C-alpha atoms as a PDB file:
ATOM      1  CA  MET A   1     -33.958 -72.450  32.005  1.00  0.00           C
ATOM      2  CA  SER A   2     -34.556 -72.259  28.520  1.00  0.00           C
ATOM      3  CA  PRO A   3     -31.553 -72.945  26.287  1.00  0.00           C
ATOM      4  CA  LEU A   4     -30.285 -70.734  23.601  1.00  0.00           C
ATOM      5  CA  PRO A   5     -32.175 -71.929  20.618  1.00  0.00           C
ATOM      6  CA  ASN A   6     -29.941 -73.601  17.753  1.00  0.00           C
ATOM      7  CA  TYR A   7     -31.644 -71.584  15.016  1.00  0.00           C
ATOM      8  CA  ARG A   8     -31.078 -67.854  14.809  1.00  0.00           C
ATOM      9  CA  PRO A   9     -32.489 -65.541  12.318  1.00  0.00           C
ATOM     10  CA  LYS A  10     -29.707 -63.712  10.034  1.00  0.00           C
ATOM     11  CA  GLN A  11     -30.703 -60.373  11.488  1.00  0.00           C
ATOM     12  CA  LEU A  12     -32.254 -59.838  14.719  1.00  0.00           C
ATOM     13  CA  SER A  13     -33.284 -56.318  14.398  1.00  0.00           C
ATOM     14  CA  LEU A  14     -36.843 -55.754  13.428  1.00  0.00           C
ATOM     15  CA  GLY A  15     -39.051 -52.534  12.514  1.00  0.00           C
ATOM     16  CA  SER A  16     -42.280 -51.974  14.113  1.00  0.00           C
ATOM     17  CA  LEU A  17     -44.323 -53.277  11.138  1.00  0.00           C
ATOM     18  CA  GLU A  18     -42.182 -56.153  10.940  1.00  0.00           C
ATOM     19  CA  LYS A  19     -42.773 -56.975  14.712  1.00  0.00           C
ATOM     20  CA  GLU A  20     -46.418 -56.420  14.344  1.00  0.00           C
ATOM     21  CA  ILE A  21     -46.575 -58.919  11.322  1.00  0.00           C
ATOM     22  CA  LEU A  22     -44.619 -61.443  13.208  1.00  0.00           C
ATOM     23  CA  HIS A  23     -46.768 -60.987  16.318  1.00  0.00           C
ATOM     24  CA  ILE A  24     -49.833 -61.829  14.180  1.00  0.00           C
ATOM     25  CA  ILE A  25     -48.198 -64.944  12.506  1.00  0.00           C
ATOM     26  CA  TRP A  26     -47.220 -66.346  16.222  1.00  0.00           C
ATOM     27  CA  LYS A  27     -50.832 -65.606  16.966  1.00  0.00           C
ATOM     28  CA  LEU A  28     -52.309 -67.539  13.985  1.00  0.00           C
ATOM     29  CA  GLY A  29     -49.704 -69.970  13.841  1.00  0.00           C
ATOM     30  CA  SER A  30     -49.216 -69.290   9.834  1.00  0.00           C
ATOM     31  CA  ALA A  31     -51.094 -66.763   7.856  1.00  0.00           C
ATOM     32  CA  THR A  32     -51.320 -65.655   4.000  1.00  0.00           C
ATOM     33  CA  VAL A  33     -51.161 -61.910   2.769  1.00  0.00           C
ATOM     34  CA  LYS A  34     -54.736 -61.689   2.995  1.00  0.00           C
ATOM     35  CA  ASP A  35     -54.976 -62.911   6.443  1.00  0.00           C
ATOM     36  CA  LEU A  36     -52.116 -60.672   7.737  1.00  0.00           C
ATOM     37  CA  HIS A  37     -53.721 -57.356   5.619  1.00  0.00           C
ATOM     38  CA  GLU A  38     -57.229 -58.148   7.237  1.00  0.00           C
ATOM     39  CA  GLN A  39     -55.944 -58.349  10.911  1.00  0.00           C
ATOM     40  CA  ILE A  40     -54.057 -55.191  10.431  1.00  0.00           C
ATOM     41  CA  LEU A  41     -57.232 -53.316   8.764  1.00  0.00           C
ATOM     42  CA  ILE A  42     -59.296 -54.264  11.825  1.00  0.00           C
ATOM     43  CA  ASP A  43     -58.221 -51.047  13.157  1.00  0.00           C
ATOM     44  CA  PRO A  44     -60.061 -48.352  11.025  1.00  0.00           C
ATOM     45  CA  GLU A  45     -57.605 -45.775  11.751  1.00  0.00           C
ATOM     46  CA  ARG A  46     -55.020 -48.126   9.908  1.00  0.00           C
ATOM     47  CA  GLN A  47     -54.080 -47.586   6.078  1.00  0.00           C
ATOM     48  CA  LEU A  48     -51.777 -50.432   4.689  1.00  0.00           C
ATOM     49  CA  THR A  49     -51.592 -51.813   1.317  1.00  0.00           C
ATOM     50  CA  TYR A  50     -51.773 -55.466   0.451  1.00  0.00           C
ATOM     51  CA  ALA A  51     -48.371 -54.731  -1.543  1.00  0.00           C
ATOM     52  CA  SER A  52     -46.852 -53.254   1.705  1.00  0.00           C
ATOM     53  CA  VAL A  53     -47.706 -56.597   3.645  1.00  0.00           C
ATOM     54  CA  THR A  54     -45.917 -58.663   0.935  1.00  0.00           C
ATOM     55  CA  THR A  55     -42.757 -56.368   1.040  1.00  0.00           C
ATOM     56  CA  ILE A  56     -42.527 -56.812   4.813  1.00  0.00           C
ATOM     57  CA  LEU A  57     -43.072 -60.775   4.604  1.00  0.00           C
ATOM     58  CA  LYS A  58     -40.135 -60.981   1.993  1.00  0.00           C
ATOM     59  CA  ARG A  59     -37.969 -58.854   4.330  1.00  0.00           C
ATOM     60  CA  LEU A  60     -38.845 -61.107   7.290  1.00  0.00           C
ATOM     61  CA  THR A  61     -38.062 -64.118   5.163  1.00  0.00           C
ATOM     62  CA  GLN A  62     -34.667 -62.560   4.063  1.00  0.00           C
ATOM     63  CA  LYS A  63     -33.715 -61.872   7.492  1.00  0.00           C
ATOM     64  CA  GLY A  64     -34.465 -65.438   8.310  1.00  0.00           C
ATOM     65  CA  TRP A  65     -37.744 -64.940  10.470  1.00  0.00           C
ATOM     66  CA  LEU A  66     -40.280 -66.612   8.331  1.00  0.00           C
ATOM     67  CA  THR A  67     -40.411 -69.332   5.723  1.00  0.00           C
ATOM     68  CA  ARG A  68     -43.293 -69.714   2.952  1.00  0.00           C
ATOM     69  CA  GLU A  69     -45.204 -72.644   1.693  1.00  0.00           C
ATOM     70  CA  LYS A  70     -47.244 -72.853  -1.406  1.00  0.00           C
ATOM     71  CA  GLU A  71     -50.618 -73.727  -1.130  1.00  0.00           C
ATOM     72  CA  GLY A  72     -52.297 -74.120  -4.468  1.00  0.00           C
ATOM     73  CA  ARG A  73     -51.873 -70.380  -5.947  1.00  0.00           C
ATOM     74  CA  ILE A  74     -51.094 -68.666  -2.808  1.00  0.00           C
ATOM     75  CA  PHE A  75     -48.469 -68.529  -0.069  1.00  0.00           C
ATOM     76  CA  ARG A  76     -48.587 -69.254   3.719  1.00  0.00           C
ATOM     77  CA  TRP A  77     -45.951 -67.760   5.904  1.00  0.00           C
ATOM     78  CA  ARG A  78     -44.758 -69.374   9.251  1.00  0.00           C
ATOM     79  CA  ALA A  79     -42.294 -68.202  11.887  1.00  0.00           C
ATOM     80  CA  LEU A  80     -39.076 -70.111  12.117  1.00  0.00           C
ATOM     81  CA  VAL A  81     -38.641 -69.262  15.647  1.00  0.00           C
ATOM     82  CA  SER A  82     -41.364 -69.200  18.385  1.00  0.00           C
ATOM     83  CA  GLN A  83     -42.181 -66.243  20.592  1.00  0.00           C
ATOM     84  CA  GLU A  84     -40.309 -67.456  23.243  1.00  0.00           C
ATOM     85  CA  GLU A  85     -37.535 -68.415  21.194  1.00  0.00           C
ATOM     86  CA  ALA A  86     -37.273 -64.769  19.764  1.00  0.00           C
ATOM     87  CA  GLY A  87     -37.262 -63.102  23.200  1.00  0.00           C
ATOM     88  CA  ILE A  88     -34.320 -65.550  24.320  1.00  0.00           C
ATOM     89  CA  LEU A  89     -32.346 -64.621  21.286  1.00  0.00           C
ATOM     90  CA  GLN A  90     -33.044 -61.054  21.738  1.00  0.00           C
ATOM     91  CA  THR A  91     -32.242 -60.870  25.365  1.00  0.00           C
ATOM     92  CA  HIS A  92     -28.933 -62.807  24.578  1.00  0.00           C
ATOM     93  CA  GLU A  93     -28.014 -60.248  22.058  1.00  0.00           C
ATOM     94  CA  GLN A  94     -28.783 -57.319  24.315  1.00  0.00           C
ATOM     95  CA  LEU A  95     -26.653 -58.802  27.187  1.00  0.00           C
ATOM     96  CA  HIS A  96     -23.683 -59.324  24.746  1.00  0.00           C
ATOM     97  CA  GLN A  97     -23.943 -55.517  23.644  1.00  0.00           C
ATOM     98  CA  PHE A  98     -23.996 -54.628  27.176  1.00  0.00           C
ATOM     99  CA  LEU A  99     -21.174 -56.767  28.166  1.00  0.00           C
ATOM    100  CA  ALA A 100     -19.191 -55.558  25.040  1.00  0.00           C
ATOM    101  CA  VAL A 101     -18.826 -52.254  26.678  1.00  0.00           C
ATOM    102  CA  GLY A 102     -16.109 -54.182  28.968  1.00  0.00           C
ATOM    103  CA  ASN A 103     -15.979 -51.603  31.376  1.00  0.00           C
ATOM    104  CA  PRO A 104     -16.258 -52.938  34.994  1.00  0.00           C
ATOM    105  CA  ASP A 105     -17.363 -49.131  35.936  1.00  0.00           C
ATOM    106  CA  VAL A 106     -20.151 -48.989  33.919  1.00  0.00           C
ATOM    107  CA  VAL A 107     -21.471 -52.513  35.120  1.00  0.00           C
ATOM    108  CA  ALA A 108     -20.897 -51.356  38.587  1.00  0.00           C
ATOM    109  CA  VAL A 109     -22.866 -48.211  38.152  1.00  0.00           C
ATOM    110  CA  PHE A 110     -25.643 -50.502  36.639  1.00  0.00           C
ATOM    111  CA  ALA A 111     -25.588 -52.829  39.210  1.00  0.00           C
ATOM    112  CA  ASP A 112     -25.555 -50.008  42.119  1.00  0.00           C
ATOM    113  CA  SER A 113     -28.901 -48.681  40.482  1.00  0.00           C
ATOM    114  CA  LEU A 114     -30.771 -51.858  40.799  1.00  0.00           C
ATOM    115  CA  GLU A 115     -33.848 -52.143  42.816  1.00  0.00           C
ATOM    116  CA  GLN A 116     -34.010 -54.854  45.203  1.00  0.00           C
ATOM    117  CA  ALA A 117     -36.212 -57.129  43.118  1.00  0.00           C
ATOM    118  CA  SER A 118     -33.608 -56.863  40.087  1.00  0.00           C
ATOM    119  CA  VAL A 119     -30.851 -57.648  42.820  1.00  0.00           C
ATOM    120  CA  GLU A 120     -32.664 -60.664  43.693  1.00  0.00           C
ATOM    121  CA  GLN A 121     -32.996 -61.837  39.975  1.00  0.00           C
ATOM    122  CA  PHE A 122     -29.394 -61.241  39.599  1.00  0.00           C
ATOM    123  CA  GLU A 123     -28.556 -63.534  42.630  1.00  0.00           C
ATOM    124  CA  ALA A 124     -30.762 -66.173  41.140  1.00  0.00           C
ATOM    125  CA  ILE A 125     -29.034 -65.791  37.787  1.00  0.00           C
ATOM    126  CA  ALA A 126     -25.585 -66.068  39.486  1.00  0.00           C
ATOM    127  CA  GLN A 127     -26.578 -69.100  41.442  1.00  0.00           C
ATOM    128  CA  LYS A 128     -27.802 -70.906  38.040  1.00  0.00           C
ATOM    129  CA  ILE A 129     -24.334 -70.008  36.319  1.00  0.00           C
ATOM    130  CA  GLN A 130     -22.493 -71.653  39.381  1.00  0.00           C
ATOM    131  CA  ALA A 131     -24.605 -74.542  38.965  1.00  0.00           C
ATOM    132  CA  LEU A 132     -23.848 -74.925  35.193  1.00  0.00           C
ATOM    133  CA  ARG A 133     -20.075 -74.340  35.544  1.00  0.00           C
ATOM    134  CA  PRO A 134     -19.252 -77.994  36.938  1.00  0.00           C
ATOM    135  CA  VAL A 135     -21.495 -79.391  34.059  1.00  0.00           C
ATOM    136  CA  ARG A 136     -19.556 -77.541  31.497  1.00  0.00           C
ATOM    137  CA  GLU A 137     -16.103 -78.610  33.121  1.00  0.00           C
END
């Protein structure tokens, strides 16, 4: 089981272009504005300015997803969380939002609508939770 990452971006929600740029950075490891701009423009149907890429990178940095390092006269951006960690954080957030409803009837309706494969996954999760309880106590 993957633990909840220690680092958490300030804001988890991302727009579609922010997600796209973050995925490119995960794929490349790190990237300059030029690297990202070229990757996006591989699709001949896309039109995106260099300045727009810079704006998105600044936004991702403010949200706590990226950091930048100066290399000579250019900046190179890298992700502060891995793709796997981002998935864990976003799933954790969605689960908290679901449980915040706090209505057992809503949870029961959801559980009743699950397919057999999902029921088996929940049973496996319940077993892991049971195994963790003695460790915490």
